[in-house]
Every structure is written in structure tokens, then in C-alpha cells.
Amino acid sequence: MTVGLTPISIGPVAAEILHHDGDVEVVAVFERCVYVAAPGGHVCIGVEALGSGPLNILLALDGGVSAPLPEWSRLGVTREAKGTIANGVIGIGDDFSLSPLAAARWQPPPWSATSRTSLGRSLQRIRSLAAPMCPSEGLSRLVLMPSATPLDRTAQAAAELVRTLAVALPAALRSGTPNGDLMRAATLLIGLGPGLTPSGDDLLGGVFLASTALQCVSLREALWQAIEPEIGLLTVDVSGAHLAAAADGLGAASVHAAINAILAGTDATLPGHLAALAAIGHSSGFDTLVGVVLTLEAGLDAGIILAR
């Protein structure tokens, strides 16, 4: 075990991946986390402040949350560094070794009950609170600040696709089947935008998670089956791994918490949840929020929201 780094939490996707022995490679390095490609998929190893998620292995640092961030390079954890998984232990180079399977297993909480009244009020509140917080990059200004100009190049490229998605979603939620317009828009959004998780992918992740929260699992599964063959061709592997998790109803803990607050109508907590989403990537948290808002609004339009 690497001194000073103690695994304290592991997501369900990461735990499954660690049961597949074989060679691994570091594919991305950030201040708070690193992504590792393994035979079973991708895992994200990061500090506790990163937050829980399906791919995440969280580490407690000696000295607590105020401790300096790990110096990954000094541990030999650099991009393209090689290692192995063997018997649940992940090792990279000579100086980095973790055995995370004994850590607490993270699972998202059940989805909150909702009603048309509470959900409608929460969505209005979200739009009001989120508008001034929208990052200049990504897709959130396109939906949450529709009069905002200028839009960045990603938002300009996505504008028609997002409009098509919004129009097609109510009927798709009612029927449980994506029509041609929805499948075309979703496919063209894959890989749209820069970064390790492009904005279009994050938006689709929000659609998958909100569809799950609305108990429209049949639509989520049909849409994933339609776009899955294109994932490896159109986007980066790490983003594809996050999309696959979302298609199983699994996202970052902060996204689950935000969706549950919106469903439950707990208005007082919404500013805190939005702040947590704003801290995810350059625009990833708010791009995911766009997919959530569009899908929940479509659920209202479709008349599928029942008190439960």
C-alpha cells in the first residue's frame, strides 16, 4: 500500500473492474485524480474531495482534507505509465500500490418521490438560480440562458441538436422508444466539445440519469442500445466509460443529490447542489444539469409525473 494514500471508497463500476487481472495504463493525470485504463474498463483514482461516483476510488490523505494534493509524478503515476491489476491490487511502477476492494462500497441513494407541483416549482427555481452561474463554455448557457450571447463554438454547434432533443423527448418518454429525431440528435451530440468528457456526452449522461429517476428505464436502455455502437468511434474512452455508467443509472454522487433535491422539491438545498455541480470540470457539471433539466421538463410535458 502506498504510504499516505488510504482507499476509503470505491464505486460499483471500479469494484467490478478490479476483479479483472491484467495490464493497466495511466491515460490522464489531473491535480485531484488520475484515470487508469484496465482490462475491464476505466477507473478514476482521486482524493476524497473529488466525490464519490461509479468509476471512482477515493483516497484519504495523511493530514486530512487540508493535506497537500498527491504529487502523482513523484509516485511514478504519469501519463502512459504502466502497471497491473492482480487479485484486486492495482500497482503502477515501483512506488504506487493500492488495494481498494476493502474500502466502503459507494452506491447512490434511491430516487426521491416527486409530484407535478414540486417538480415544476423546483425546475423553475433551478433555472433562476443556475442562469448566473453558467460557465462561459459548454452547453448550459444555451438552455439555461437562452438569450445569452455570444455562445461558444460548442454551444453554437449543438444548438439545433439540443432543440431537436427537447422536442423529441416528451413523446419518447411516453412511449419508452426513441424516435429517429431523438436518436439522430443523441448520436451527433456524442463527442461534441473539447476535453476528457465532451459537453455533448455530459448532456446525454444527464438524460440517462433523469430518465432513470423518472422510472423511464425502457427509454434509457433503448437509447443506449442505439448509440452504444458509435461510442468508441465518436468520443474518448474515458467519456465513453462515464456514459456507459450513466446508461446503467449511475453518475457522480453530486449529480444524484441534485436530481433528488429537484424531485423532492427541497428548494433550500438547491444553491448548494448547484455549487457542487459547478465544481465538476470546466463545464461538465452544468452540461450534465442541462440533460437533467431537459428530461425532467419533458417528463412534465409528457404527463408522466405522478405523486409517488
C-alpha atoms as a PDB file:
ATOM      1  CA  MET A   1       0.000   0.000   0.000  1.00  0.00           C
ATOM      2  CA  THR A   2       1.355   3.426  -0.917  1.00  0.00           C
ATOM      3  CA  VAL A   3       2.154   5.356   2.249  1.00  0.00           C
ATOM      4  CA  GLY A   4      -0.105   8.364   2.819  1.00  0.00           C
ATOM      5  CA  LEU A   5      -2.887   7.206   0.472  1.00  0.00           C
ATOM      6  CA  THR A   6      -5.646   5.111   2.030  1.00  0.00           C
ATOM      7  CA  PRO A   7      -8.606   3.894  -0.087  1.00  0.00           C
ATOM      8  CA  ILE A   8     -11.830   4.850   1.675  1.00  0.00           C
ATOM      9  CA  SER A   9     -14.495   4.456  -1.005  1.00  0.00           C
ATOM     10  CA  ILE A  10     -14.962   2.589  -4.262  1.00  0.00           C
ATOM     11  CA  GLY A  11     -17.732   2.859  -6.818  1.00  0.00           C
ATOM     12  CA  PRO A  12     -19.533  -0.198  -8.226  1.00  0.00           C
ATOM     13  CA  VAL A  13     -18.006   0.044 -11.707  1.00  0.00           C
ATOM     14  CA  ALA A  14     -14.492   0.431 -10.297  1.00  0.00           C
ATOM     15  CA  ALA A  15     -15.021  -2.533  -7.970  1.00  0.00           C
ATOM     16  CA  GLU A  16     -16.077  -4.735 -10.882  1.00  0.00           C
ATOM     17  CA  ILE A  17     -13.058  -3.649 -12.936  1.00  0.00           C
ATOM     18  CA  LEU A  18     -10.667  -4.593 -10.140  1.00  0.00           C
ATOM     19  CA  HIS A  19     -11.829  -8.200 -10.407  1.00  0.00           C
ATOM     20  CA  HIS A  20     -10.242  -8.417 -13.876  1.00  0.00           C
ATOM     21  CA  ASP A  21      -6.485  -9.026 -13.656  1.00  0.00           C
ATOM     22  CA  GLY A  22      -4.183  -7.678 -16.344  1.00  0.00           C
ATOM     23  CA  ASP A  23      -2.106  -4.762 -17.549  1.00  0.00           C
ATOM     24  CA  VAL A  24      -3.133  -1.157 -16.903  1.00  0.00           C
ATOM     25  CA  GLU A  25      -2.035   2.236 -18.206  1.00  0.00           C
ATOM     26  CA  VAL A  26      -2.487   5.771 -16.895  1.00  0.00           C
ATOM     27  CA  VAL A  27      -4.423   7.718 -19.536  1.00  0.00           C
ATOM     28  CA  ALA A  28      -4.954  11.083 -17.822  1.00  0.00           C
ATOM     29  CA  VAL A  29      -3.467  12.919 -14.836  1.00  0.00           C
ATOM     30  CA  PHE A  30      -5.055  15.858 -13.019  1.00  0.00           C
ATOM     31  CA  GLU A  31      -4.329  17.537  -9.712  1.00  0.00           C
ATOM     32  CA  ARG A  32      -7.015  15.659  -7.809  1.00  0.00           C
ATOM     33  CA  CYS A  33      -7.231  12.414  -9.737  1.00  0.00           C
ATOM     34  CA  VAL A  34      -5.832  10.085 -12.374  1.00  0.00           C
ATOM     35  CA  TYR A  35      -7.627   7.857 -14.870  1.00  0.00           C
ATOM     36  CA  VAL A  36      -6.379   4.347 -15.448  1.00  0.00           C
ATOM     37  CA  ALA A  37      -7.338   2.080 -18.350  1.00  0.00           C
ATOM     38  CA  ALA A  38      -7.647  -1.556 -17.293  1.00  0.00           C
ATOM     39  CA  PRO A  39      -8.823  -4.772 -18.983  1.00  0.00           C
ATOM     40  CA  GLY A  40     -12.331  -4.326 -17.592  1.00  0.00           C
ATOM     41  CA  GLY A  41     -12.663  -0.602 -18.251  1.00  0.00           C
ATOM     42  CA  HIS A  42     -11.572   2.694 -16.711  1.00  0.00           C
ATOM     43  CA  VAL A  43     -11.178   3.687 -13.076  1.00  0.00           C
ATOM     44  CA  CYS A  44     -10.624   7.120 -11.583  1.00  0.00           C
ATOM     45  CA  ILE A  45      -8.308   7.277  -8.556  1.00  0.00           C
ATOM     46  CA  GLY A  46      -8.592  10.526  -6.662  1.00  0.00           C
ATOM     47  CA  VAL A  47      -8.682  12.400  -3.385  1.00  0.00           C
ATOM     48  CA  GLU A  48     -11.727  12.413  -1.131  1.00  0.00           C
ATOM     49  CA  ALA A  49     -12.726  15.925  -2.225  1.00  0.00           C
ATOM     50  CA  LEU A  50     -13.326  14.577  -5.733  1.00  0.00           C
ATOM     51  CA  GLY A  51     -16.543  12.990  -4.504  1.00  0.00           C
ATOM     52  CA  SER A  52     -17.988   9.542  -4.996  1.00  0.00           C
ATOM     53  CA  GLY A  53     -19.008   8.106  -8.337  1.00  0.00           C
ATOM     54  CA  PRO A  54     -19.329   4.788 -10.137  1.00  0.00           C
ATOM     55  CA  LEU A  55     -15.755   4.795 -11.529  1.00  0.00           C
ATOM     56  CA  ASN A  56     -14.126   6.427  -8.506  1.00  0.00           C
ATOM     57  CA  ILE A  57     -11.662   5.071  -5.980  1.00  0.00           C
ATOM     58  CA  LEU A  58     -11.344   7.750  -3.298  1.00  0.00           C
ATOM     59  CA  LEU A  59      -8.248   8.168  -1.163  1.00  0.00           C
ATOM     60  CA  ALA A  60      -7.854   9.688   2.289  1.00  0.00           C
ATOM     61  CA  LEU A  61      -4.643  11.667   2.640  1.00  0.00           C
ATOM     62  CA  ASP A  62      -2.444  11.691   5.698  1.00  0.00           C
ATOM     63  CA  GLY A  63      -3.208  15.050   7.283  1.00  0.00           C
ATOM     64  CA  GLY A  64      -6.880  15.063   6.297  1.00  0.00           C
ATOM     65  CA  VAL A  65      -8.720  17.106   3.692  1.00  0.00           C
ATOM     66  CA  SER A  66      -6.354  20.053   4.178  1.00  0.00           C
ATOM     67  CA  ALA A  67      -3.311  17.947   3.275  1.00  0.00           C
ATOM     68  CA  PRO A  68      -1.432  18.792   0.067  1.00  0.00           C
ATOM     69  CA  LEU A  69      -2.634  17.003  -3.031  1.00  0.00           C
ATOM     70  CA  PRO A  70      -0.661  13.920  -4.047  1.00  0.00           C
ATOM     71  CA  GLU A  71       2.422  14.508  -6.175  1.00  0.00           C
ATOM     72  CA  TRP A  72       1.475  11.884  -8.711  1.00  0.00           C
ATOM     73  CA  SER A  73       4.671  12.211 -10.713  1.00  0.00           C
ATOM     74  CA  ARG A  74       6.809  11.512  -7.648  1.00  0.00           C
ATOM     75  CA  LEU A  75       4.844   8.286  -7.214  1.00  0.00           C
ATOM     76  CA  GLY A  76       5.564   7.312 -10.808  1.00  0.00           C
ATOM     77  CA  VAL A  77       1.965   7.977 -11.822  1.00  0.00           C
ATOM     78  CA  THR A  78       2.387   9.852 -15.079  1.00  0.00           C
ATOM     79  CA  ARG A  79       0.533   9.696 -18.368  1.00  0.00           C
ATOM     80  CA  GLU A  80       1.257   6.406 -20.180  1.00  0.00           C
ATOM     81  CA  ALA A  81       2.800   4.880 -17.050  1.00  0.00           C
ATOM     82  CA  LYS A  82       2.200   1.123 -16.990  1.00  0.00           C
ATOM     83  CA  GLY A  83       1.104  -1.206 -14.239  1.00  0.00           C
ATOM     84  CA  THR A  84      -1.057  -4.202 -13.388  1.00  0.00           C
ATOM     85  CA  ILE A  85      -4.158  -5.336 -11.551  1.00  0.00           C
ATOM     86  CA  ALA A  86      -3.670  -8.608  -9.692  1.00  0.00           C
ATOM     87  CA  ASN A  87      -6.028 -10.027  -7.054  1.00  0.00           C
ATOM     88  CA  GLY A  88      -7.710  -6.651  -6.577  1.00  0.00           C
ATOM     89  CA  VAL A  89      -4.428  -4.768  -6.103  1.00  0.00           C
ATOM     90  CA  ILE A  90      -3.614  -2.033  -8.588  1.00  0.00           C
ATOM     91  CA  GLY A  91       0.071  -1.200  -8.972  1.00  0.00           C
ATOM     92  CA  ILE A  92       1.749   1.377 -11.185  1.00  0.00           C
ATOM     93  CA  GLY A  93       5.520   1.450 -11.482  1.00  0.00           C
ATOM     94  CA  ASP A  94       7.588   0.717  -8.408  1.00  0.00           C
ATOM     95  CA  ASP A  95       6.116   3.207  -5.956  1.00  0.00           C
ATOM     96  CA  PHE A  96       2.326   3.129  -6.288  1.00  0.00           C
ATOM     97  CA  SER A  97       0.144   0.303  -4.992  1.00  0.00           C
ATOM     98  CA  LEU A  98      -3.460   0.250  -3.758  1.00  0.00           C
ATOM     99  CA  SER A  99      -5.783  -2.474  -2.502  1.00  0.00           C
ATOM    100  CA  PRO A 100      -9.179  -0.739  -2.663  1.00  0.00           C
ATOM    101  CA  LEU A 101     -11.646  -3.648  -2.562  1.00  0.00           C
ATOM    102  CA  ALA A 102     -11.821  -3.491   1.234  1.00  0.00           C
ATOM    103  CA  ALA A 103     -12.899   0.159   1.085  1.00  0.00           C
ATOM    104  CA  ALA A 104     -16.516   1.176   1.641  1.00  0.00           C
ATOM    105  CA  ARG A 105     -18.652   0.462  -1.418  1.00  0.00           C
ATOM    106  CA  TRP A 106     -20.457   3.556  -2.697  1.00  0.00           C
ATOM    107  CA  GLN A 107     -23.963   3.203  -4.081  1.00  0.00           C
ATOM    108  CA  PRO A 108     -26.292   6.064  -4.969  1.00  0.00           C
ATOM    109  CA  PRO A 109     -29.364   6.529  -2.785  1.00  0.00           C
ATOM    110  CA  PRO A 110     -32.872   5.683  -4.038  1.00  0.00           C
ATOM    111  CA  TRP A 111     -34.548   8.304  -6.191  1.00  0.00           C
ATOM    112  CA  SER A 112     -36.821  10.708  -4.356  1.00  0.00           C
ATOM    113  CA  ALA A 113     -40.580  10.759  -4.756  1.00  0.00           C
ATOM    114  CA  THR A 114     -41.968  13.663  -6.716  1.00  0.00           C
ATOM    115  CA  SER A 115     -45.162  15.316  -7.951  1.00  0.00           C
ATOM    116  CA  ARG A 116     -46.017  17.678 -10.762  1.00  0.00           C
ATOM    117  CA  THR A 117     -46.290  20.599  -8.347  1.00  0.00           C
ATOM    118  CA  SER A 118     -42.999  20.108  -6.526  1.00  0.00           C
ATOM    119  CA  LEU A 119     -41.067  19.201  -9.658  1.00  0.00           C
ATOM    120  CA  GLY A 120     -42.403  22.141 -11.628  1.00  0.00           C
ATOM    121  CA  ARG A 121     -41.517  24.531  -8.826  1.00  0.00           C
ATOM    122  CA  SER A 122     -38.030  23.065  -8.465  1.00  0.00           C
ATOM    123  CA  LEU A 123     -37.296  23.327 -12.179  1.00  0.00           C
ATOM    124  CA  GLN A 124     -38.335  26.985 -12.235  1.00  0.00           C
ATOM    125  CA  ARG A 125     -36.107  27.596  -9.223  1.00  0.00           C
ATOM    126  CA  ILE A 126     -33.196  25.750 -10.846  1.00  0.00           C
ATOM    127  CA  ARG A 127     -33.428  27.869 -13.980  1.00  0.00           C
ATOM    128  CA  SER A 128     -33.484  31.049 -11.904  1.00  0.00           C
ATOM    129  CA  LEU A 129     -30.541  30.050  -9.692  1.00  0.00           C
ATOM    130  CA  ALA A 130     -28.416  28.414 -12.378  1.00  0.00           C
ATOM    131  CA  ALA A 131     -28.545  31.138 -15.017  1.00  0.00           C
ATOM    132  CA  PRO A 132     -25.989  33.481 -13.389  1.00  0.00           C
ATOM    133  CA  MET A 133     -23.741  30.528 -12.557  1.00  0.00           C
ATOM    134  CA  CYS A 134     -23.468  29.133 -16.090  1.00  0.00           C
ATOM    135  CA  PRO A 135     -19.871  28.772 -17.289  1.00  0.00           C
ATOM    136  CA  SER A 136     -18.946  30.584 -20.479  1.00  0.00           C
ATOM    137  CA  GLU A 137     -18.005  27.243 -22.077  1.00  0.00           C
ATOM    138  CA  GLY A 138     -20.239  24.276 -22.747  1.00  0.00           C
ATOM    139  CA  LEU A 139     -23.974  23.969 -23.277  1.00  0.00           C
ATOM    140  CA  SER A 140     -25.585  25.365 -20.145  1.00  0.00           C
ATOM    141  CA  ARG A 141     -25.960  28.936 -21.430  1.00  0.00           C
ATOM    142  CA  LEU A 142     -27.706  27.541 -24.495  1.00  0.00           C
ATOM    143  CA  VAL A 143     -30.522  26.104 -22.375  1.00  0.00           C
ATOM    144  CA  LEU A 144     -30.461  27.928 -19.039  1.00  0.00           C
ATOM    145  CA  MET A 145     -29.700  31.376 -20.503  1.00  0.00           C
ATOM    146  CA  PRO A 146     -31.396  31.152 -23.931  1.00  0.00           C
ATOM    147  CA  SER A 147     -30.947  34.863 -24.627  1.00  0.00           C
ATOM    148  CA  ALA A 148     -27.240  34.825 -23.800  1.00  0.00           C
ATOM    149  CA  THR A 149     -24.783  35.936 -26.455  1.00  0.00           C
ATOM    150  CA  PRO A 150     -22.259  35.192 -27.649  1.00  0.00           C
ATOM    151  CA  LEU A 151     -22.369  31.436 -27.288  1.00  0.00           C
ATOM    152  CA  ASP A 152     -19.133  29.490 -27.520  1.00  0.00           C
ATOM    153  CA  ARG A 153     -18.420  27.312 -30.545  1.00  0.00           C
ATOM    154  CA  THR A 154     -19.594  24.131 -28.833  1.00  0.00           C
ATOM    155  CA  ALA A 155     -22.960  25.657 -27.959  1.00  0.00           C
ATOM    156  CA  GLN A 156     -23.373  27.055 -31.455  1.00  0.00           C
ATOM    157  CA  ALA A 157     -22.694  23.624 -32.959  1.00  0.00           C
ATOM    158  CA  ALA A 158     -25.104  21.948 -30.561  1.00  0.00           C
ATOM    159  CA  ALA A 159     -27.979  24.445 -30.713  1.00  0.00           C
ATOM    160  CA  GLU A 160     -30.134  22.683 -33.293  1.00  0.00           C
ATOM    161  CA  LEU A 161     -29.374  19.247 -31.839  1.00  0.00           C
ATOM    162  CA  VAL A 162     -30.421  20.336 -28.345  1.00  0.00           C
ATOM    163  CA  ARG A 163     -33.649  21.860 -29.684  1.00  0.00           C
ATOM    164  CA  THR A 164     -34.412  18.625 -31.513  1.00  0.00           C
ATOM    165  CA  LEU A 165     -33.689  16.622 -28.373  1.00  0.00           C
ATOM    166  CA  ALA A 166     -36.004  18.785 -26.268  1.00  0.00           C
ATOM    167  CA  VAL A 167     -38.865  18.476 -28.789  1.00  0.00           C
ATOM    168  CA  ALA A 168     -38.470  14.705 -29.176  1.00  0.00           C
ATOM    169  CA  LEU A 169     -38.089  13.769 -25.508  1.00  0.00           C
ATOM    170  CA  PRO A 170     -41.738  14.026 -24.293  1.00  0.00           C
ATOM    171  CA  ALA A 171     -43.064  11.518 -26.834  1.00  0.00           C
ATOM    172  CA  ALA A 172     -40.066   9.255 -26.265  1.00  0.00           C
ATOM    173  CA  LEU A 173     -40.638   9.269 -22.502  1.00  0.00           C
ATOM    174  CA  ARG A 174     -44.312   8.388 -23.004  1.00  0.00           C
ATOM    175  CA  SER A 175     -43.608   5.546 -25.413  1.00  0.00           C
ATOM    176  CA  GLY A 176     -40.325   4.310 -23.987  1.00  0.00           C
ATOM    177  CA  THR A 177     -38.885   4.337 -27.502  1.00  0.00           C
ATOM    178  CA  PRO A 178     -36.545   6.941 -29.042  1.00  0.00           C
ATOM    179  CA  ASN A 179     -37.762   8.156 -32.418  1.00  0.00           C
ATOM    180  CA  GLY A 180     -35.493   8.922 -35.343  1.00  0.00           C
ATOM    181  CA  ASP A 181     -35.062  12.590 -34.433  1.00  0.00           C
ATOM    182  CA  LEU A 182     -34.014  11.755 -30.895  1.00  0.00           C
ATOM    183  CA  MET A 183     -31.553   9.082 -31.993  1.00  0.00           C
ATOM    184  CA  ARG A 184     -30.025  11.377 -34.608  1.00  0.00           C
ATOM    185  CA  ALA A 185     -29.622  14.267 -32.153  1.00  0.00           C
ATOM    186  CA  ALA A 186     -28.167  11.998 -29.470  1.00  0.00           C
ATOM    187  CA  THR A 187     -25.705  10.409 -31.879  1.00  0.00           C
ATOM    188  CA  LEU A 188     -24.485  13.761 -33.188  1.00  0.00           C
ATOM    189  CA  LEU A 189     -24.029  15.072 -29.642  1.00  0.00           C
ATOM    190  CA  ILE A 190     -21.563  12.276 -28.831  1.00  0.00           C
ATOM    191  CA  GLY A 191     -18.054  13.704 -28.658  1.00  0.00           C
ATOM    192  CA  LEU A 192     -19.231  17.274 -29.246  1.00  0.00           C
ATOM    193  CA  GLY A 193     -16.896  19.681 -27.454  1.00  0.00           C
ATOM    194  CA  PRO A 194     -13.358  19.576 -26.071  1.00  0.00           C
ATOM    195  CA  GLY A 195     -11.971  17.800 -23.055  1.00  0.00           C
ATOM    196  CA  LEU A 196     -11.916  14.366 -21.477  1.00  0.00           C
ATOM    197  CA  THR A 197     -15.719  14.365 -21.213  1.00  0.00           C
ATOM    198  CA  PRO A 198     -17.113  16.477 -24.080  1.00  0.00           C
ATOM    199  CA  SER A 199     -20.162  18.609 -23.376  1.00  0.00           C
ATOM    200  CA  GLY A 200     -22.451  16.578 -25.615  1.00  0.00           C
ATOM    201  CA  ASP A 201     -21.555  13.400 -23.708  1.00  0.00           C
ATOM    202  CA  ASP A 202     -22.195  15.066 -20.352  1.00  0.00           C
ATOM    203  CA  LEU A 203     -25.603  16.263 -21.542  1.00  0.00           C
ATOM    204  CA  LEU A 204     -26.534  12.747 -22.651  1.00  0.00           C
ATOM    205  CA  GLY A 205     -25.388  11.422 -19.276  1.00  0.00           C
ATOM    206  CA  GLY A 206     -27.869  13.797 -17.664  1.00  0.00           C
ATOM    207  CA  VAL A 207     -30.616  12.495 -19.955  1.00  0.00           C
ATOM    208  CA  PHE A 208     -29.840   8.906 -18.930  1.00  0.00           C
ATOM    209  CA  LEU A 209     -29.828   9.715 -15.208  1.00  0.00           C
ATOM    210  CA  ALA A 210     -33.006  11.802 -15.278  1.00  0.00           C
ATOM    211  CA  SER A 211     -34.783   9.129 -17.351  1.00  0.00           C
ATOM    212  CA  THR A 212     -33.846   6.634 -14.655  1.00  0.00           C
ATOM    213  CA  ALA A 213     -35.122   8.944 -11.926  1.00  0.00           C
ATOM    214  CA  LEU A 214     -38.458   9.228 -13.778  1.00  0.00           C
ATOM    215  CA  GLN A 215     -38.619   5.428 -13.925  1.00  0.00           C
ATOM    216  CA  CYS A 216     -38.400   5.558 -17.733  1.00  0.00           C
ATOM    217  CA  VAL A 217     -35.775   2.830 -17.850  1.00  0.00           C
ATOM    218  CA  SER A 218     -37.048   1.417 -21.135  1.00  0.00           C
ATOM    219  CA  LEU A 219     -36.215   4.670 -22.934  1.00  0.00           C
ATOM    220  CA  ARG A 220     -32.797   4.839 -21.304  1.00  0.00           C
ATOM    221  CA  GLU A 221     -31.972   1.307 -22.383  1.00  0.00           C
ATOM    222  CA  ALA A 222     -33.322   1.738 -25.926  1.00  0.00           C
ATOM    223  CA  LEU A 223     -31.393   4.969 -26.418  1.00  0.00           C
ATOM    224  CA  TRP A 224     -28.172   3.401 -25.138  1.00  0.00           C
ATOM    225  CA  GLN A 225     -28.569   0.399 -27.416  1.00  0.00           C
ATOM    226  CA  ALA A 226     -28.977   2.789 -30.341  1.00  0.00           C
ATOM    227  CA  ILE A 227     -25.877   4.879 -29.640  1.00  0.00           C
ATOM    228  CA  GLU A 228     -23.529   2.372 -27.986  1.00  0.00           C
ATOM    229  CA  PRO A 229     -22.050   1.117 -31.284  1.00  0.00           C
ATOM    230  CA  GLU A 230     -20.933   4.678 -32.066  1.00  0.00           C
ATOM    231  CA  ILE A 231     -19.341   5.468 -28.714  1.00  0.00           C
ATOM    232  CA  GLY A 232     -15.882   4.106 -29.465  1.00  0.00           C
ATOM    233  CA  LEU A 233     -15.788   5.930 -32.791  1.00  0.00           C
ATOM    234  CA  LEU A 234     -17.069   9.330 -31.727  1.00  0.00           C
ATOM    235  CA  THR A 235     -15.723  10.098 -28.274  1.00  0.00           C
ATOM    236  CA  VAL A 236     -12.775   9.430 -25.972  1.00  0.00           C
ATOM    237  CA  ASP A 237     -12.658   6.238 -23.923  1.00  0.00           C
ATOM    238  CA  VAL A 238     -12.939   7.906 -20.517  1.00  0.00           C
ATOM    239  CA  SER A 239     -16.071   9.763 -21.550  1.00  0.00           C
ATOM    240  CA  GLY A 240     -17.482   6.567 -23.019  1.00  0.00           C
ATOM    241  CA  ALA A 241     -16.951   4.882 -19.649  1.00  0.00           C
ATOM    242  CA  HIS A 242     -18.895   7.630 -17.865  1.00  0.00           C
ATOM    243  CA  LEU A 243     -21.682   7.398 -20.461  1.00  0.00           C
ATOM    244  CA  ALA A 244     -21.899   3.643 -20.027  1.00  0.00           C
ATOM    245  CA  ALA A 245     -22.256   4.104 -16.268  1.00  0.00           C
ATOM    246  CA  ALA A 246     -24.974   6.733 -16.765  1.00  0.00           C
ATOM    247  CA  ALA A 247     -26.766   4.322 -19.086  1.00  0.00           C
ATOM    248  CA  ASP A 248     -26.906   1.977 -16.081  1.00  0.00           C
ATOM    249  CA  GLY A 249     -28.353   4.790 -13.956  1.00  0.00           C
ATOM    250  CA  LEU A 250     -25.068   5.648 -12.223  1.00  0.00           C
ATOM    251  CA  GLY A 251     -23.494   9.098 -12.076  1.00  0.00           C
ATOM    252  CA  ALA A 252     -21.472  11.290  -9.753  1.00  0.00           C
ATOM    253  CA  ALA A 253     -22.803  11.487  -6.203  1.00  0.00           C
ATOM    254  CA  SER A 254     -23.301  15.242  -6.554  1.00  0.00           C
ATOM    255  CA  VAL A 255     -25.495  14.722  -9.643  1.00  0.00           C
ATOM    256  CA  HIS A 256     -27.625  12.135  -7.859  1.00  0.00           C
ATOM    257  CA  ALA A 257     -28.010  14.513  -4.923  1.00  0.00           C
ATOM    258  CA  ALA A 258     -29.041  17.397  -7.172  1.00  0.00           C
ATOM    259  CA  ILE A 259     -31.626  15.315  -9.036  1.00  0.00           C
ATOM    260  CA  ASN A 260     -33.090  14.050  -5.770  1.00  0.00           C
ATOM    261  CA  ALA A 261     -33.361  17.597  -4.435  1.00  0.00           C
ATOM    262  CA  ILE A 262     -35.154  18.702  -7.607  1.00  0.00           C
ATOM    263  CA  LEU A 263     -37.549  15.746  -7.429  1.00  0.00           C
ATOM    264  CA  ALA A 264     -38.257  16.258  -3.731  1.00  0.00           C
ATOM    265  CA  GLY A 265     -38.781  19.999  -4.096  1.00  0.00           C
ATOM    266  CA  THR A 266     -36.270  20.848  -1.363  1.00  0.00           C
ATOM    267  CA  ASP A 267     -35.682  24.379  -2.622  1.00  0.00           C
ATOM    268  CA  ALA A 268     -33.457  25.460   0.257  1.00  0.00           C
ATOM    269  CA  THR A 269     -30.760  22.958  -0.728  1.00  0.00           C
ATOM    270  CA  LEU A 270     -30.671  23.751  -4.446  1.00  0.00           C
ATOM    271  CA  PRO A 271     -27.999  26.512  -4.269  1.00  0.00           C
ATOM    272  CA  GLY A 272     -25.588  24.100  -2.570  1.00  0.00           C
ATOM    273  CA  HIS A 273     -26.245  21.394  -5.115  1.00  0.00           C
ATOM    274  CA  LEU A 274     -25.667  23.828  -7.977  1.00  0.00           C
ATOM    275  CA  ALA A 275     -22.379  24.919  -6.416  1.00  0.00           C
ATOM    276  CA  ALA A 276     -21.307  21.265  -6.259  1.00  0.00           C
ATOM    277  CA  LEU A 277     -22.185  20.762  -9.932  1.00  0.00           C
ATOM    278  CA  ALA A 278     -20.318  23.931 -10.899  1.00  0.00           C
ATOM    279  CA  ALA A 279     -17.168  22.429  -9.355  1.00  0.00           C
ATOM    280  CA  ILE A 280     -17.190  19.428 -11.728  1.00  0.00           C
ATOM    281  CA  GLY A 281     -14.748  20.064 -14.557  1.00  0.00           C
ATOM    282  CA  HIS A 282     -14.723  23.201 -16.690  1.00  0.00           C
ATOM    283  CA  SER A 283     -18.384  22.793 -17.619  1.00  0.00           C
ATOM    284  CA  SER A 284     -19.174  19.105 -17.096  1.00  0.00           C
ATOM    285  CA  GLY A 285     -21.419  19.526 -14.060  1.00  0.00           C
ATOM    286  CA  PHE A 286     -23.604  22.126 -15.712  1.00  0.00           C
ATOM    287  CA  ASP A 287     -23.612  20.290 -19.051  1.00  0.00           C
ATOM    288  CA  THR A 288     -24.976  17.273 -17.172  1.00  0.00           C
ATOM    289  CA  LEU A 289     -27.515  19.551 -15.493  1.00  0.00           C
ATOM    290  CA  VAL A 290     -28.754  20.610 -18.940  1.00  0.00           C
ATOM    291  CA  GLY A 291     -29.591  16.999 -19.782  1.00  0.00           C
ATOM    292  CA  VAL A 292     -31.307  16.578 -16.416  1.00  0.00           C
ATOM    293  CA  VAL A 293     -33.415  19.737 -16.787  1.00  0.00           C
ATOM    294  CA  LEU A 294     -34.454  18.988 -20.373  1.00  0.00           C
ATOM    295  CA  THR A 295     -35.513  15.456 -19.436  1.00  0.00           C
ATOM    296  CA  LEU A 296     -37.411  16.392 -16.279  1.00  0.00           C
ATOM    297  CA  GLU A 297     -39.191  19.205 -18.128  1.00  0.00           C
ATOM    298  CA  ALA A 298     -40.056  16.725 -20.886  1.00  0.00           C
ATOM    299  CA  GLY A 299     -41.479  14.420 -18.215  1.00  0.00           C
ATOM    300  CA  LEU A 300     -43.790  17.204 -17.101  1.00  0.00           C
ATOM    301  CA  ASP A 301     -44.809  17.927 -20.690  1.00  0.00           C
ATOM    302  CA  ALA A 302     -45.436  14.237 -21.307  1.00  0.00           C
ATOM    303  CA  GLY A 303     -47.702  13.984 -18.292  1.00  0.00           C
ATOM    304  CA  ILE A 304     -45.810  11.044 -16.815  1.00  0.00           C
ATOM    305  CA  ILE A 305     -45.054  12.679 -13.447  1.00  0.00           C
ATOM    306  CA  LEU A 306     -47.174  11.110 -10.748  1.00  0.00           C
ATOM    307  CA  ALA A 307     -47.062  11.524  -6.995  1.00  0.00           C
ATOM    308  CA  ARG A 308     -45.172   8.510  -5.684  1.00  0.00           C
END
